[in-house]
Amino acid sequence: MATNKYDEIAQAAITLFNRKGYHATSVQDIADEVGLQKGSLYHYINSKEELLLEIATKSINGFCRDLEAVCEQASSAQEKLERAILHHFDIVIGHLEMTTVLLREAFFLSDDQHQLIKDANDRYLNLWVQIIREGVATREFRGEDPRLTALSILGSCNWVYRWYKADGKKSPQEIARYFCDLHLRGILNR
């Protein structure tokens, strides 16, 4: 639920970017969706691109903040990784439109703006790498390549936005648990 007009505009943009794509969505489409004249919309935003940047930045920063909190609550690297995967799924599936916009549409930003998103994504990836390195150091995980391991986990977890259906045979929790078990079995040092 939007708490103010800007939040309402951002949510409308997320819905439209998800449904139509960034390039196919016009500023007029966004204005129509929130019941504003196009000129009035510019009272709240400077441009469609800036709006996409704000949506993507808020999204990835939320992923980072949440993962940091998850890591603070867990004691072992295995527990951190398990919670990280489960929580990542909660966000991806719970905010499917926003995740789709982040993963599919943020690439349309200008080079400078896209670099901001890349930097934030790198920060998120590094949090995952730290968890895996910790697990290698404590001998919980095999230690071939923590970065590649993190990329593999995130790649498979992120791809869910492409195929997940709310009316599918498995619940979000069942899918998350399956992915969690699959990845943990792959790296646990047993």
N, C-alpha and C. Protein backbone atom coordinates (compact mmCIF):
# COMPACT_ATOMS: atom_id res chain seq x y z
N MET A 1 0.85 -1.19 0.00
CA MET A 1 0.00 0.00 0.00
C MET A 1 0.89 1.24 0.00
N ALA A 2 0.63 2.14 -0.93
CA ALA A 2 1.43 3.35 -1.03
C ALA A 2 1.12 4.30 0.12
N THR A 3 2.18 4.86 0.68
CA THR A 3 1.99 5.77 1.80
C THR A 3 1.92 7.22 1.36
N ASN A 4 2.36 7.51 0.17
CA ASN A 4 2.25 8.87 -0.36
C ASN A 4 2.19 8.80 -1.88
N LYS A 5 2.05 9.94 -2.50
CA LYS A 5 1.87 9.97 -3.95
C LYS A 5 3.10 9.41 -4.68
N TYR A 6 4.29 9.75 -4.18
CA TYR A 6 5.49 9.22 -4.84
C TYR A 6 5.51 7.69 -4.78
N ASP A 7 5.19 7.13 -3.62
CA ASP A 7 5.14 5.67 -3.50
C ASP A 7 4.10 5.07 -4.44
N GLU A 8 2.98 5.75 -4.58
CA GLU A 8 1.94 5.30 -5.51
C GLU A 8 2.46 5.33 -6.95
N ILE A 9 3.17 6.38 -7.29
CA ILE A 9 3.76 6.50 -8.64
C ILE A 9 4.79 5.39 -8.86
N ALA A 10 5.65 5.17 -7.88
CA ALA A 10 6.67 4.13 -8.00
C ALA A 10 6.03 2.75 -8.17
N GLN A 11 4.98 2.46 -7.39
CA GLN A 11 4.31 1.17 -7.51
C GLN A 11 3.64 1.02 -8.87
N ALA A 12 3.03 2.09 -9.36
CA ALA A 12 2.42 2.05 -10.69
C ALA A 12 3.49 1.79 -11.75
N ALA A 13 4.64 2.44 -11.62
CA ALA A 13 5.73 2.23 -12.57
C ALA A 13 6.23 0.79 -12.51
N ILE A 14 6.37 0.23 -11.32
CA ILE A 14 6.79 -1.16 -11.18
C ILE A 14 5.81 -2.07 -11.92
N THR A 15 4.53 -1.87 -11.69
CA THR A 15 3.51 -2.69 -12.33
C THR A 15 3.57 -2.56 -13.85
N LEU A 16 3.69 -1.33 -14.34
CA LEU A 16 3.73 -1.10 -15.79
C LEU A 16 5.03 -1.61 -16.41
N PHE A 17 6.17 -1.34 -15.76
CA PHE A 17 7.45 -1.83 -16.29
C PHE A 17 7.45 -3.36 -16.33
N ASN A 18 6.85 -3.99 -15.34
CA ASN A 18 6.76 -5.44 -15.31
C ASN A 18 5.86 -5.94 -16.44
N ARG A 19 4.72 -5.31 -16.61
CA ARG A 19 3.74 -5.77 -17.59
C ARG A 19 4.15 -5.45 -19.03
N LYS A 20 4.59 -4.21 -19.26
CA LYS A 20 4.84 -3.75 -20.63
C LYS A 20 6.32 -3.65 -20.99
N GLY A 21 7.18 -3.60 -19.97
CA GLY A 21 8.59 -3.33 -20.20
C GLY A 21 8.86 -1.84 -20.04
N TYR A 22 10.10 -1.53 -19.73
CA TYR A 22 10.49 -0.14 -19.48
C TYR A 22 10.29 0.73 -20.72
N HIS A 23 10.80 0.28 -21.86
CA HIS A 23 10.72 1.10 -23.07
C HIS A 23 9.30 1.28 -23.58
N ALA A 24 8.47 0.28 -23.40
CA ALA A 24 7.09 0.36 -23.89
C ALA A 24 6.18 1.16 -22.96
N THR A 25 6.64 1.46 -21.76
CA THR A 25 5.86 2.24 -20.80
C THR A 25 6.21 3.71 -20.97
N SER A 26 5.20 4.51 -21.20
CA SER A 26 5.44 5.95 -21.34
C SER A 26 5.17 6.67 -20.02
N VAL A 27 5.68 7.88 -19.93
CA VAL A 27 5.38 8.71 -18.76
C VAL A 27 3.87 8.93 -18.68
N GLN A 28 3.22 9.06 -19.83
CA GLN A 28 1.77 9.23 -19.86
C GLN A 28 1.07 8.01 -19.27
N ASP A 29 1.58 6.81 -19.57
CA ASP A 29 1.00 5.58 -18.99
C ASP A 29 1.05 5.64 -17.46
N ILE A 30 2.18 6.06 -16.93
CA ILE A 30 2.34 6.14 -15.47
C ILE A 30 1.39 7.18 -14.90
N ALA A 31 1.31 8.34 -15.56
CA ALA A 31 0.41 9.40 -15.11
C ALA A 31 -1.04 8.91 -15.11
N ASP A 32 -1.43 8.24 -16.18
CA ASP A 32 -2.80 7.72 -16.27
C ASP A 32 -3.09 6.71 -15.15
N GLU A 33 -2.11 5.88 -14.86
CA GLU A 33 -2.28 4.84 -13.83
C GLU A 33 -2.54 5.42 -12.45
N VAL A 34 -1.97 6.59 -12.17
CA VAL A 34 -2.12 7.20 -10.84
C VAL A 34 -3.09 8.39 -10.85
N GLY A 35 -3.75 8.61 -12.00
CA GLY A 35 -4.76 9.66 -12.07
C GLY A 35 -4.22 11.08 -12.07
N LEU A 36 -3.05 11.27 -12.67
CA LEU A 36 -2.46 12.60 -12.77
C LEU A 36 -2.32 13.01 -14.22
N GLN A 37 -2.26 14.30 -14.44
CA GLN A 37 -1.87 14.80 -15.75
C GLN A 37 -0.37 14.57 -15.90
N LYS A 38 0.08 14.40 -17.13
CA LYS A 38 1.49 14.14 -17.37
C LYS A 38 2.36 15.24 -16.76
N GLY A 39 1.97 16.48 -16.93
CA GLY A 39 2.73 17.60 -16.38
C GLY A 39 2.79 17.56 -14.86
N SER A 40 1.71 17.14 -14.24
CA SER A 40 1.67 17.05 -12.77
C SER A 40 2.58 15.94 -12.25
N LEU A 41 2.75 14.90 -13.05
CA LEU A 41 3.62 13.80 -12.64
C LEU A 41 5.05 14.29 -12.42
N TYR A 42 5.46 15.27 -13.23
CA TYR A 42 6.82 15.80 -13.11
C TYR A 42 7.03 16.61 -11.84
N HIS A 43 5.98 16.87 -11.10
CA HIS A 43 6.13 17.46 -9.78
C HIS A 43 6.76 16.44 -8.82
N TYR A 44 6.55 15.15 -9.11
CA TYR A 44 7.03 14.07 -8.24
C TYR A 44 8.29 13.38 -8.76
N ILE A 45 8.47 13.36 -10.08
CA ILE A 45 9.64 12.70 -10.67
C ILE A 45 10.29 13.64 -11.67
N ASN A 46 11.58 13.41 -11.91
CA ASN A 46 12.29 14.19 -12.92
C ASN A 46 12.24 13.52 -14.29
N SER A 47 12.26 12.19 -14.29
CA SER A 47 12.23 11.45 -15.55
C SER A 47 11.85 10.00 -15.28
N LYS A 48 11.47 9.32 -16.33
CA LYS A 48 11.15 7.90 -16.22
C LYS A 48 12.41 7.12 -15.84
N GLU A 49 13.54 7.50 -16.42
CA GLU A 49 14.80 6.81 -16.11
C GLU A 49 15.19 6.98 -14.64
N GLU A 50 15.02 8.18 -14.12
CA GLU A 50 15.32 8.41 -12.71
C GLU A 50 14.40 7.58 -11.81
N LEU A 51 13.15 7.44 -12.23
CA LEU A 51 12.20 6.61 -11.47
C LEU A 51 12.65 5.15 -11.47
N LEU A 52 13.08 4.65 -12.62
CA LEU A 52 13.59 3.27 -12.69
C LEU A 52 14.82 3.12 -11.81
N LEU A 53 15.71 4.10 -11.83
CA LEU A 53 16.90 4.05 -10.98
C LEU A 53 16.51 3.99 -9.51
N GLU A 54 15.56 4.81 -9.11
CA GLU A 54 15.12 4.83 -7.71
C GLU A 54 14.50 3.49 -7.30
N ILE A 55 13.70 2.91 -8.19
CA ILE A 55 13.08 1.60 -7.91
C ILE A 55 14.16 0.53 -7.76
N ALA A 56 15.11 0.50 -8.70
CA ALA A 56 16.17 -0.51 -8.67
C ALA A 56 17.07 -0.31 -7.46
N THR A 57 17.42 0.92 -7.16
CA THR A 57 18.29 1.21 -6.01
C THR A 57 17.62 0.81 -4.70
N LYS A 58 16.37 1.19 -4.56
CA LYS A 58 15.64 0.83 -3.34
C LYS A 58 15.55 -0.68 -3.19
N SER A 59 15.33 -1.37 -4.30
CA SER A 59 15.20 -2.82 -4.29
C SER A 59 16.50 -3.48 -3.84
N ILE A 60 17.60 -3.17 -4.52
CA ILE A 60 18.87 -3.84 -4.20
C ILE A 60 19.37 -3.43 -2.82
N ASN A 61 19.15 -2.20 -2.42
CA ASN A 61 19.55 -1.79 -1.07
C ASN A 61 18.74 -2.55 -0.01
N GLY A 62 17.48 -2.82 -0.31
CA GLY A 62 16.66 -3.64 0.58
C GLY A 62 17.18 -5.06 0.68
N PHE A 63 17.59 -5.64 -0.45
CA PHE A 63 18.19 -6.97 -0.44
C PHE A 63 19.42 -6.98 0.47
N CYS A 64 20.29 -5.97 0.32
CA CYS A 64 21.52 -5.90 1.13
C CYS A 64 21.21 -5.75 2.62
N ARG A 65 20.35 -4.83 2.93
CA ARG A 65 19.99 -4.56 4.33
C ARG A 65 19.40 -5.82 4.98
N ASP A 66 18.52 -6.48 4.26
CA ASP A 66 17.89 -7.69 4.81
C ASP A 66 18.90 -8.82 4.99
N LEU A 67 19.82 -8.97 4.04
CA LEU A 67 20.82 -10.04 4.16
C LEU A 67 21.75 -9.77 5.34
N GLU A 68 22.13 -8.53 5.53
CA GLU A 68 22.96 -8.18 6.69
C GLU A 68 22.25 -8.54 7.99
N ALA A 69 20.96 -8.26 8.07
CA ALA A 69 20.18 -8.59 9.27
C ALA A 69 20.09 -10.10 9.46
N VAL A 70 19.87 -10.84 8.38
CA VAL A 70 19.80 -12.29 8.45
C VAL A 70 21.12 -12.85 8.99
N CYS A 71 22.24 -12.32 8.51
CA CYS A 71 23.55 -12.82 8.93
C CYS A 71 23.83 -12.53 10.40
N GLU A 72 23.33 -11.42 10.89
CA GLU A 72 23.54 -11.08 12.30
C GLU A 72 22.79 -12.03 13.22
N GLN A 73 21.71 -12.62 12.73
CA GLN A 73 20.87 -13.49 13.57
C GLN A 73 21.32 -14.94 13.57
N ALA A 74 22.18 -15.31 12.64
CA ALA A 74 22.60 -16.71 12.52
C ALA A 74 23.98 -16.90 13.14
N SER A 75 24.22 -18.10 13.63
CA SER A 75 25.50 -18.34 14.31
C SER A 75 26.54 -19.00 13.41
N SER A 76 26.16 -19.98 12.63
CA SER A 76 27.11 -20.68 11.77
C SER A 76 26.96 -20.23 10.33
N ALA A 77 27.99 -20.50 9.54
CA ALA A 77 27.93 -20.16 8.12
C ALA A 77 26.83 -20.95 7.42
N GLN A 78 26.66 -22.21 7.81
CA GLN A 78 25.59 -23.01 7.22
C GLN A 78 24.23 -22.39 7.51
N GLU A 79 24.02 -21.97 8.74
CA GLU A 79 22.75 -21.34 9.10
C GLU A 79 22.57 -20.02 8.36
N LYS A 80 23.65 -19.25 8.22
CA LYS A 80 23.57 -17.99 7.48
C LYS A 80 23.17 -18.23 6.03
N LEU A 81 23.84 -19.22 5.41
CA LEU A 81 23.54 -19.49 4.00
C LEU A 81 22.12 -20.00 3.84
N GLU A 82 21.70 -20.87 4.72
CA GLU A 82 20.33 -21.39 4.65
C GLU A 82 19.33 -20.25 4.79
N ARG A 83 19.51 -19.42 5.79
CA ARG A 83 18.60 -18.29 5.98
C ARG A 83 18.67 -17.30 4.82
N ALA A 84 19.87 -17.11 4.29
CA ALA A 84 20.03 -16.18 3.16
C ALA A 84 19.24 -16.66 1.95
N ILE A 85 19.35 -17.94 1.64
CA ILE A 85 18.62 -18.49 0.49
C ILE A 85 17.12 -18.39 0.72
N LEU A 86 16.67 -18.81 1.89
CA LEU A 86 15.23 -18.76 2.18
C LEU A 86 14.71 -17.33 2.15
N HIS A 87 15.48 -16.41 2.70
CA HIS A 87 15.04 -15.01 2.72
C HIS A 87 15.06 -14.41 1.31
N HIS A 88 16.07 -14.76 0.53
CA HIS A 88 16.14 -14.27 -0.85
C HIS A 88 14.89 -14.70 -1.61
N PHE A 89 14.50 -15.96 -1.43
CA PHE A 89 13.28 -16.44 -2.07
C PHE A 89 12.05 -15.68 -1.59
N ASP A 90 11.98 -15.42 -0.31
CA ASP A 90 10.85 -14.65 0.23
C ASP A 90 10.72 -13.31 -0.49
N ILE A 91 11.84 -12.64 -0.69
CA ILE A 91 11.81 -11.33 -1.36
C ILE A 91 11.46 -11.49 -2.83
N VAL A 92 12.16 -12.41 -3.51
CA VAL A 92 11.93 -12.57 -4.96
C VAL A 92 10.48 -12.92 -5.24
N ILE A 93 9.94 -13.89 -4.54
CA ILE A 93 8.57 -14.32 -4.80
C ILE A 93 7.56 -13.36 -4.17
N GLY A 94 7.86 -12.84 -3.01
CA GLY A 94 6.94 -11.92 -2.34
C GLY A 94 6.82 -10.57 -3.02
N HIS A 95 7.85 -10.19 -3.76
CA HIS A 95 7.86 -8.91 -4.49
C HIS A 95 8.25 -9.19 -5.94
N LEU A 96 7.49 -10.08 -6.56
CA LEU A 96 7.84 -10.58 -7.89
C LEU A 96 7.92 -9.48 -8.94
N GLU A 97 6.97 -8.54 -8.92
CA GLU A 97 7.01 -7.45 -9.90
C GLU A 97 8.28 -6.61 -9.74
N MET A 98 8.58 -6.24 -8.51
CA MET A 98 9.76 -5.42 -8.24
C MET A 98 11.03 -6.16 -8.64
N THR A 99 11.11 -7.44 -8.30
CA THR A 99 12.28 -8.24 -8.65
C THR A 99 12.44 -8.34 -10.15
N THR A 100 11.34 -8.54 -10.85
CA THR A 100 11.37 -8.61 -12.31
C THR A 100 11.91 -7.32 -12.90
N VAL A 101 11.43 -6.20 -12.39
CA VAL A 101 11.91 -4.90 -12.88
C VAL A 101 13.41 -4.77 -12.61
N LEU A 102 13.84 -5.13 -11.42
CA LEU A 102 15.27 -5.04 -11.08
C LEU A 102 16.11 -5.91 -12.00
N LEU A 103 15.71 -7.15 -12.19
CA LEU A 103 16.53 -8.10 -12.95
C LEU A 103 16.41 -7.95 -14.46
N ARG A 104 15.28 -7.46 -14.93
CA ARG A 104 15.05 -7.38 -16.37
C ARG A 104 15.18 -5.98 -16.94
N GLU A 105 14.71 -4.98 -16.22
CA GLU A 105 14.60 -3.64 -16.80
C GLU A 105 15.73 -2.68 -16.40
N ALA A 106 16.40 -2.94 -15.29
CA ALA A 106 17.43 -2.00 -14.83
C ALA A 106 18.59 -1.88 -15.81
N PHE A 107 18.72 -2.83 -16.73
CA PHE A 107 19.78 -2.77 -17.73
C PHE A 107 19.57 -1.66 -18.74
N PHE A 108 18.40 -1.06 -18.76
CA PHE A 108 18.11 0.01 -19.70
C PHE A 108 18.52 1.39 -19.18
N LEU A 109 19.09 1.44 -18.01
CA LEU A 109 19.56 2.71 -17.46
C LEU A 109 20.81 3.16 -18.21
N SER A 110 21.08 4.46 -18.15
CA SER A 110 22.30 4.98 -18.76
C SER A 110 23.51 4.34 -18.08
N ASP A 111 24.66 4.45 -18.71
CA ASP A 111 25.86 3.81 -18.18
C ASP A 111 26.17 4.25 -16.74
N ASP A 112 26.10 5.56 -16.48
CA ASP A 112 26.39 6.06 -15.13
C ASP A 112 25.40 5.52 -14.11
N GLN A 113 24.13 5.53 -14.48
CA GLN A 113 23.11 5.03 -13.55
C GLN A 113 23.20 3.52 -13.38
N HIS A 114 23.48 2.83 -14.47
CA HIS A 114 23.61 1.38 -14.38
C HIS A 114 24.81 1.01 -13.51
N GLN A 115 25.85 1.82 -13.51
CA GLN A 115 27.01 1.56 -12.66
C GLN A 115 26.63 1.60 -11.19
N LEU A 116 25.72 2.50 -10.83
CA LEU A 116 25.24 2.56 -9.44
C LEU A 116 24.57 1.25 -9.04
N ILE A 117 23.77 0.70 -9.94
CA ILE A 117 23.09 -0.57 -9.67
C ILE A 117 24.11 -1.71 -9.63
N LYS A 118 25.07 -1.68 -10.55
CA LYS A 118 26.11 -2.70 -10.55
C LYS A 118 26.89 -2.67 -9.24
N ASP A 119 27.22 -1.49 -8.76
CA ASP A 119 27.95 -1.37 -7.49
C ASP A 119 27.13 -1.95 -6.33
N ALA A 120 25.84 -1.66 -6.31
CA ALA A 120 24.97 -2.19 -5.26
C ALA A 120 24.85 -3.71 -5.39
N ASN A 121 24.74 -4.21 -6.62
CA ASN A 121 24.69 -5.66 -6.83
C ASN A 121 25.98 -6.32 -6.37
N ASP A 122 27.11 -5.67 -6.64
CA ASP A 122 28.40 -6.20 -6.18
C ASP A 122 28.45 -6.27 -4.66
N ARG A 123 27.91 -5.25 -4.01
CA ARG A 123 27.85 -5.25 -2.54
C ARG A 123 27.04 -6.45 -2.05
N TYR A 124 25.91 -6.71 -2.70
CA TYR A 124 25.07 -7.84 -2.31
C TYR A 124 25.80 -9.16 -2.55
N LEU A 125 26.41 -9.29 -3.72
CA LEU A 125 27.18 -10.50 -4.03
C LEU A 125 28.28 -10.72 -3.00
N ASN A 126 28.97 -9.66 -2.63
CA ASN A 126 30.06 -9.78 -1.66
C ASN A 126 29.58 -10.27 -0.30
N LEU A 127 28.36 -9.92 0.08
CA LEU A 127 27.80 -10.45 1.33
C LEU A 127 27.67 -11.98 1.25
N TRP A 128 27.22 -12.47 0.10
CA TRP A 128 27.10 -13.91 -0.11
C TRP A 128 28.48 -14.57 -0.10
N VAL A 129 29.44 -13.93 -0.77
CA VAL A 129 30.80 -14.46 -0.81
C VAL A 129 31.38 -14.55 0.60
N GLN A 130 31.11 -13.54 1.42
CA GLN A 130 31.60 -13.55 2.81
C GLN A 130 31.03 -14.74 3.59
N ILE A 131 29.75 -15.02 3.39
CA ILE A 131 29.14 -16.17 4.07
C ILE A 131 29.86 -17.45 3.66
N ILE A 132 30.10 -17.60 2.37
CA ILE A 132 30.73 -18.83 1.87
C ILE A 132 32.18 -18.92 2.33
N ARG A 133 32.89 -17.80 2.29
CA ARG A 133 34.28 -17.81 2.79
C ARG A 133 34.33 -18.18 4.28
N GLU A 134 33.38 -17.67 5.03
CA GLU A 134 33.31 -18.02 6.45
C GLU A 134 33.11 -19.52 6.61
N GLY A 135 32.23 -20.08 5.79
CA GLY A 135 32.00 -21.52 5.85
C GLY A 135 33.21 -22.33 5.44
N VAL A 136 33.99 -21.83 4.50
CA VAL A 136 35.23 -22.50 4.11
C VAL A 136 36.24 -22.43 5.26
N ALA A 137 36.34 -21.25 5.88
CA ALA A 137 37.29 -21.06 6.99
C ALA A 137 36.95 -21.94 8.19
N THR A 138 35.67 -22.17 8.42
CA THR A 138 35.26 -23.01 9.55
C THR A 138 35.10 -24.48 9.14
N ARG A 139 35.44 -24.77 7.89
CA ARG A 139 35.38 -26.12 7.32
C ARG A 139 33.95 -26.67 7.22
N GLU A 140 32.98 -25.77 7.23
CA GLU A 140 31.60 -26.20 7.00
C GLU A 140 31.36 -26.44 5.51
N PHE A 141 32.03 -25.65 4.66
CA PHE A 141 31.85 -25.73 3.21
C PHE A 141 33.15 -26.13 2.53
N ARG A 142 33.00 -26.78 1.38
CA ARG A 142 34.14 -27.02 0.51
C ARG A 142 34.58 -25.67 -0.05
N GLY A 143 35.84 -25.53 -0.36
CA GLY A 143 36.34 -24.20 -0.70
C GLY A 143 36.89 -24.01 -2.09
N GLU A 144 36.25 -24.52 -3.10
CA GLU A 144 36.78 -24.37 -4.45
C GLU A 144 36.84 -22.90 -4.89
N ASP A 145 35.71 -22.24 -4.91
CA ASP A 145 35.66 -20.85 -5.41
C ASP A 145 34.43 -20.16 -4.81
N PRO A 146 34.58 -19.46 -3.69
CA PRO A 146 33.43 -18.84 -3.02
C PRO A 146 32.64 -17.87 -3.91
N ARG A 147 33.34 -17.11 -4.75
CA ARG A 147 32.63 -16.15 -5.60
C ARG A 147 31.78 -16.88 -6.63
N LEU A 148 32.36 -17.87 -7.28
CA LEU A 148 31.61 -18.64 -8.28
C LEU A 148 30.45 -19.39 -7.62
N THR A 149 30.67 -19.88 -6.42
CA THR A 149 29.59 -20.55 -5.68
C THR A 149 28.45 -19.58 -5.41
N ALA A 150 28.79 -18.37 -4.96
CA ALA A 150 27.76 -17.35 -4.69
C ALA A 150 27.02 -16.98 -5.96
N LEU A 151 27.75 -16.81 -7.06
CA LEU A 151 27.11 -16.48 -8.34
C LEU A 151 26.16 -17.59 -8.78
N SER A 152 26.57 -18.83 -8.58
CA SER A 152 25.73 -19.97 -8.94
C SER A 152 24.44 -19.99 -8.14
N ILE A 153 24.56 -19.78 -6.83
CA ILE A 153 23.38 -19.78 -5.97
C ILE A 153 22.45 -18.64 -6.36
N LEU A 154 23.00 -17.43 -6.48
CA LEU A 154 22.15 -16.28 -6.82
C LEU A 154 21.55 -16.41 -8.21
N GLY A 155 22.33 -16.93 -9.15
CA GLY A 155 21.81 -17.10 -10.51
C GLY A 155 20.59 -18.00 -10.55
N SER A 156 20.69 -19.13 -9.87
CA SER A 156 19.54 -20.05 -9.88
C SER A 156 18.37 -19.48 -9.09
N CYS A 157 18.65 -18.83 -7.97
CA CYS A 157 17.57 -18.25 -7.16
C CYS A 157 16.90 -17.08 -7.87
N ASN A 158 17.68 -16.26 -8.54
CA ASN A 158 17.11 -15.10 -9.24
C ASN A 158 16.26 -15.51 -10.44
N TRP A 159 16.61 -16.62 -11.08
CA TRP A 159 15.90 -17.03 -12.29
C TRP A 159 14.45 -17.42 -12.00
N VAL A 160 14.12 -17.61 -10.74
CA VAL A 160 12.76 -17.96 -10.34
C VAL A 160 11.76 -16.94 -10.88
N TYR A 161 12.14 -15.68 -10.97
CA TYR A 161 11.21 -14.66 -11.46
C TYR A 161 10.70 -14.99 -12.85
N ARG A 162 11.43 -15.78 -13.63
CA ARG A 162 11.04 -16.10 -15.00
C ARG A 162 10.01 -17.22 -15.08
N TRP A 163 10.00 -18.11 -14.10
CA TRP A 163 9.13 -19.28 -14.24
C TRP A 163 8.14 -19.48 -13.10
N TYR A 164 8.29 -18.77 -12.01
CA TYR A 164 7.40 -18.99 -10.87
C TYR A 164 5.97 -18.61 -11.21
N LYS A 165 5.04 -19.46 -10.82
CA LYS A 165 3.61 -19.20 -10.96
C LYS A 165 2.94 -19.43 -9.61
N ALA A 166 2.18 -18.44 -9.17
CA ALA A 166 1.52 -18.53 -7.86
C ALA A 166 0.58 -19.73 -7.78
N ASP A 167 0.03 -20.14 -8.90
CA ASP A 167 -0.90 -21.27 -8.89
C ASP A 167 -0.21 -22.59 -9.25
N GLY A 168 1.11 -22.63 -9.15
CA GLY A 168 1.87 -23.84 -9.46
C GLY A 168 1.69 -24.93 -8.42
N LYS A 169 2.31 -26.08 -8.69
CA LYS A 169 2.16 -27.24 -7.82
C LYS A 169 2.85 -27.07 -6.47
N LYS A 170 3.91 -26.29 -6.42
CA LYS A 170 4.67 -26.12 -5.18
C LYS A 170 4.49 -24.72 -4.63
N SER A 171 4.43 -24.65 -3.32
CA SER A 171 4.32 -23.35 -2.65
C SER A 171 5.68 -22.64 -2.70
N PRO A 172 5.69 -21.33 -2.49
CA PRO A 172 6.97 -20.62 -2.43
C PRO A 172 7.92 -21.22 -1.39
N GLN A 173 7.37 -21.64 -0.26
CA GLN A 173 8.20 -22.22 0.80
C GLN A 173 8.81 -23.56 0.37
N GLU A 174 8.03 -24.36 -0.35
CA GLU A 174 8.56 -25.64 -0.83
C GLU A 174 9.67 -25.43 -1.86
N ILE A 175 9.48 -24.47 -2.74
CA ILE A 175 10.50 -24.17 -3.74
C ILE A 175 11.77 -23.66 -3.05
N ALA A 176 11.60 -22.74 -2.12
CA ALA A 176 12.75 -22.18 -1.39
C ALA A 176 13.50 -23.28 -0.65
N ARG A 177 12.78 -24.15 0.02
CA ARG A 177 13.41 -25.24 0.77
C ARG A 177 14.15 -26.18 -0.18
N TYR A 178 13.57 -26.48 -1.34
CA TYR A 178 14.22 -27.35 -2.32
C TYR A 178 15.55 -26.73 -2.77
N PHE A 179 15.51 -25.45 -3.14
CA PHE A 179 16.73 -24.77 -3.59
C PHE A 179 17.77 -24.72 -2.47
N CYS A 180 17.31 -24.46 -1.27
CA CYS A 180 18.21 -24.40 -0.12
C CYS A 180 18.90 -25.75 0.08
N ASP A 181 18.14 -26.81 0.10
CA ASP A 181 18.71 -28.15 0.28
C ASP A 181 19.65 -28.50 -0.86
N LEU A 182 19.27 -28.19 -2.08
CA LEU A 182 20.09 -28.47 -3.25
C LEU A 182 21.45 -27.78 -3.14
N HIS A 183 21.44 -26.50 -2.84
CA HIS A 183 22.70 -25.75 -2.77
C HIS A 183 23.54 -26.14 -1.56
N LEU A 184 22.91 -26.36 -0.43
CA LEU A 184 23.68 -26.76 0.75
C LEU A 184 24.33 -28.13 0.55
N ARG A 185 23.60 -29.08 -0.03
CA ARG A 185 24.19 -30.40 -0.30
C ARG A 185 25.38 -30.28 -1.25
N GLY A 186 25.33 -29.28 -2.10
CA GLY A 186 26.41 -29.10 -3.07
C GLY A 186 27.70 -28.55 -2.48
N ILE A 187 27.61 -27.84 -1.36
CA ILE A 187 28.84 -27.23 -0.83
C ILE A 187 29.23 -27.68 0.57
N LEU A 188 28.33 -28.38 1.25
CA LEU A 188 28.67 -28.81 2.62
C LEU A 188 29.87 -29.75 2.60
N ASN A 189 30.72 -29.60 3.56
CA ASN A 189 31.93 -30.40 3.69
C ASN A 189 31.61 -31.61 4.55
N ARG A 190 31.13 -32.66 3.94
CA ARG A 190 30.72 -33.86 4.69
C ARG A 190 31.55 -35.04 4.28
